């Protein structure tokens, strides 16, 4: 009877120990599986195209800012309202123009419109009141006929030649046109007019 109780007691203790070991093992295994699942969820997900998942796509969409460099070509296009002609000139960026953004170019060239902006090309356009530099303007200076040409930026004229032809000897219509500034298209036209007035 005593031996039977002893074996029952040992059996109960053994079952309790076995239950505790199984419970501990179950808890440990459950925690390990949950940790692996959490780590798996934190890894970048690859979509069908083989690219990173949406959570990383916004990083690829961020582009570096576009700025000029010393290799940037600057194009200056002017349209002259009085004659309708265009002039285009090209040059490389100066040291002061290198490293500028589109906003900084707009600020630097406030009278110009930006037609194109990229690290390789900055294309600026400007409308100019007046005539292009291909024209000649006949005016009076100190009582005599003088030949001028417009400046490229349209901000005035410069003297090309001062003649000895006295405007007082010209008829009234010609004097009036010269007073207003007689615009001609070529040097040949200027020479023909000078010959007719000097004779």
Protein backbone atom coordinates (compact mmCIF):
# COMPACT_ATOMS: atom_id res chain seq x y z
CA UNK A 1 0.00 0.00 0.00
CA UNK A 2 2.84 2.35 0.92
CA UNK A 3 4.73 1.48 -2.27
CA UNK A 4 1.62 2.13 -4.37
CA UNK A 5 1.19 5.58 -2.88
CA UNK A 6 4.85 6.33 -3.35
CA UNK A 7 4.75 5.42 -7.04
CA UNK A 8 1.57 7.47 -7.51
CA UNK A 9 3.28 10.42 -5.82
CA UNK A 10 6.41 10.05 -8.02
CA UNK A 11 4.19 9.74 -11.11
CA UNK A 12 2.28 12.91 -10.21
CA UNK A 13 5.52 14.83 -9.59
CA UNK A 14 6.96 13.53 -12.88
CA UNK A 15 3.78 14.63 -14.75
CA UNK A 16 3.98 18.08 -13.14
CA UNK A 17 7.65 18.46 -14.15
CA UNK A 18 6.86 17.23 -17.66
CA UNK A 19 3.97 19.71 -17.91
CA UNK A 20 6.18 22.59 -16.78
CA UNK A 21 8.89 21.65 -19.31
CA UNK A 22 6.32 21.41 -22.10
CA UNK A 23 4.74 24.74 -21.12
CA UNK A 24 8.11 26.48 -21.03
CA UNK A 25 9.10 24.95 -24.38
CA UNK A 26 5.80 26.03 -25.97
CA UNK A 27 6.21 29.61 -24.72
CA UNK A 28 9.83 29.78 -25.94
CA UNK A 29 8.95 28.43 -29.39
CA UNK A 30 5.98 30.82 -29.73
CA UNK A 31 8.18 33.82 -28.90
CA UNK A 32 10.82 32.69 -31.43
CA UNK A 33 8.22 32.37 -34.23
CA UNK A 34 6.77 35.79 -33.40
CA UNK A 35 10.24 37.39 -33.48
CA UNK A 36 11.03 35.82 -36.86
CA UNK A 37 7.72 37.06 -38.23
CA UNK A 38 8.38 40.60 -36.97
CA UNK A 39 11.88 40.65 -38.54
CA UNK A 40 10.44 39.32 -41.80
CA UNK A 41 7.91 42.14 -41.92
CA UNK A 42 10.64 44.77 -41.47
CA UNK A 43 12.67 43.57 -44.49
CA UNK A 44 12.18 45.48 -47.76
CA UNK A 45 9.46 43.80 -49.79
CA UNK A 46 10.14 43.10 -53.44
CA UNK A 47 7.23 43.58 -55.81
CA UNK A 48 6.59 41.62 -59.02
CA UNK A 49 8.81 43.89 -61.04
CA UNK A 50 11.72 43.15 -58.73
CA UNK A 51 11.85 46.65 -57.31
CA UNK A 52 11.58 47.69 -53.71
CA UNK A 53 8.10 48.01 -52.26
CA UNK A 54 6.15 51.27 -52.13
CA UNK A 55 7.67 52.15 -48.76
CA UNK A 56 11.02 52.73 -50.51
CA UNK A 57 9.86 54.04 -53.88
CA UNK A 58 9.61 57.63 -52.62
CA UNK A 59 13.38 57.57 -52.02
CA UNK A 60 14.02 56.86 -55.71
CA UNK A 61 11.66 59.68 -56.74
CA UNK A 62 13.74 62.32 -54.94
CA UNK A 63 15.95 63.92 -57.61
CA UNK A 64 19.05 65.96 -56.90
CA UNK A 65 18.55 69.71 -57.47
CA UNK A 66 19.35 70.92 -61.00
CA UNK A 67 22.08 73.55 -61.02
CA UNK A 68 24.41 75.08 -63.58
CA UNK A 69 28.11 74.30 -63.92
CA UNK A 70 31.02 75.78 -65.86
CA UNK A 71 30.08 73.37 -68.68
CA UNK A 72 26.58 74.90 -68.95
CA UNK A 73 25.91 76.68 -72.25
CA UNK A 74 24.07 79.99 -71.90
CA UNK A 75 21.90 81.02 -74.87
CA UNK A 76 20.74 84.64 -75.06
CA UNK A 77 17.91 85.30 -77.51
CA UNK A 78 16.72 88.86 -78.11
CA UNK A 79 13.69 89.95 -80.14
CA UNK A 80 13.73 93.59 -81.25
CA UNK A 81 10.25 95.08 -81.34
CA UNK A 82 10.95 97.93 -83.79
CA UNK A 83 12.39 95.76 -86.58
CA UNK A 84 11.15 92.28 -85.60
CA UNK A 85 14.63 90.77 -85.91
CA UNK A 86 16.10 88.16 -83.55
CA UNK A 87 19.66 87.79 -82.36
CA UNK A 88 21.06 84.71 -80.61
CA UNK A 89 24.42 84.44 -78.86
CA UNK A 90 26.04 81.52 -77.05
CA UNK A 91 28.67 81.28 -74.34
CA UNK A 92 29.76 79.08 -71.45
CA UNK A 93 28.78 79.88 -67.89
CA UNK A 94 31.04 82.27 -66.03
CA UNK A 95 32.48 81.35 -62.64
CA UNK A 96 29.72 83.45 -60.99
CA UNK A 97 27.00 81.62 -62.96
CA UNK A 98 28.19 78.11 -62.05
CA UNK A 99 26.28 76.35 -59.26
CA UNK A 100 23.06 78.38 -59.63
CA UNK A 101 19.51 77.02 -59.49
CA UNK A 102 16.69 78.07 -61.82
CA UNK A 103 15.38 80.48 -59.16
CA UNK A 104 18.83 82.09 -58.80
CA UNK A 105 19.11 82.49 -62.59
CA UNK A 106 15.66 84.14 -62.64
CA UNK A 107 16.83 86.55 -59.95
CA UNK A 108 20.14 87.29 -61.70
CA UNK A 109 18.50 87.84 -65.11
CA UNK A 110 15.27 89.45 -63.96
CA UNK A 111 14.51 91.14 -67.32
CA UNK A 112 14.85 87.82 -69.18
CA UNK A 113 12.41 84.91 -69.48
CA UNK A 114 13.75 81.37 -69.10
CA UNK A 115 12.88 79.33 -72.20
CA UNK A 116 14.83 76.25 -71.07
CA UNK A 117 16.76 75.30 -67.93
CA UNK A 118 18.92 72.23 -67.35
CA UNK A 119 22.46 71.55 -66.11
CA UNK A 120 23.61 71.60 -69.76
CA UNK A 121 21.59 74.55 -71.21
CA UNK A 122 20.17 77.81 -69.90
CA UNK A 123 18.16 79.53 -72.64
CA UNK A 124 17.13 83.11 -71.87
CA UNK A 125 14.81 85.31 -73.97
CA UNK A 126 14.30 89.06 -73.87
CA UNK A 127 12.13 91.52 -75.81
CA UNK A 128 13.91 94.78 -76.58
CA UNK A 129 12.25 98.09 -77.45
CA UNK A 130 14.06 99.51 -80.45
CA UNK A 131 16.13 98.25 -83.37
CA UNK A 132 18.74 95.51 -83.55
CA UNK A 133 22.44 96.39 -84.02
CA UNK A 134 22.23 95.56 -87.76
CA UNK A 135 20.55 98.92 -88.42
CA UNK A 136 22.03 102.41 -88.78
CA UNK A 137 20.42 105.57 -87.42
CA UNK A 138 21.10 108.92 -89.06
CA UNK A 139 20.85 111.85 -86.65
CA UNK A 140 22.07 115.40 -86.24
CA UNK A 141 25.01 116.16 -83.97
CA UNK A 142 26.38 119.70 -83.59
CA UNK A 143 24.57 120.79 -86.76
CA UNK A 144 26.02 118.01 -88.88
CA UNK A 145 24.86 114.52 -89.90
CA UNK A 146 26.09 111.68 -87.68
CA UNK A 147 25.74 107.92 -88.12
CA UNK A 148 24.83 105.79 -85.09
CA UNK A 149 24.15 102.13 -84.41
CA UNK A 150 21.87 100.67 -81.71
CA UNK A 151 23.43 98.91 -78.75
CA UNK A 152 22.73 95.18 -78.52
CA UNK A 153 20.71 95.52 -75.31
CA UNK A 154 18.56 98.28 -76.84
CA UNK A 155 19.67 100.75 -74.17
CA UNK A 156 20.83 103.55 -76.45
CA UNK A 157 23.10 104.02 -79.48
CA UNK A 158 26.79 104.61 -80.18
CA UNK A 159 28.43 106.95 -82.70
CA UNK A 160 29.89 105.27 -85.79
CA UNK A 161 30.80 108.28 -87.92
CA UNK A 162 30.49 112.06 -87.78
CA UNK A 163 30.15 113.62 -91.25
CA UNK A 164 30.82 117.17 -92.46
CA UNK A 165 27.39 117.46 -94.06
CA UNK A 166 25.56 120.47 -92.62
CA UNK A 167 21.90 119.70 -91.89
CA UNK A 168 20.94 123.35 -92.53
CA UNK A 169 21.38 122.82 -96.29
CA UNK A 170 18.95 119.86 -96.42
CA UNK A 171 15.28 120.29 -97.24
CA UNK A 172 12.76 120.47 -94.38
CA UNK A 173 11.40 116.91 -94.81
CA UNK A 174 14.87 115.36 -94.60
CA UNK A 175 15.76 117.55 -91.61
CA UNK A 176 12.62 116.35 -89.82
CA UNK A 177 13.41 112.69 -90.48
CA UNK A 178 16.98 113.16 -89.27
CA UNK A 179 15.71 114.92 -86.17
CA UNK A 180 13.51 111.89 -85.38
CA UNK A 181 16.30 109.47 -86.23
CA UNK A 182 16.29 108.09 -89.78
CA UNK A 183 16.68 104.31 -89.57
CA UNK A 184 18.26 102.46 -92.50
CA UNK A 185 19.00 98.77 -92.95
CA UNK A 186 22.55 98.76 -94.33
CA UNK A 187 25.75 100.72 -94.69
CA UNK A 188 25.18 100.81 -98.46
CA UNK A 189 21.92 102.72 -97.92
CA UNK A 190 23.73 105.14 -95.61
CA UNK A 191 26.41 105.77 -98.26
CA UNK A 192 23.81 106.37 -100.99
CA UNK A 193 21.99 108.92 -98.82
CA UNK A 194 25.26 110.66 -97.89
CA UNK A 195 26.23 110.94 -101.58
CA UNK A 196 22.86 112.44 -102.52
CA UNK A 197 23.02 114.99 -99.68
CA UNK A 198 26.67 115.90 -100.20
CA UNK A 199 26.24 116.69 -103.91
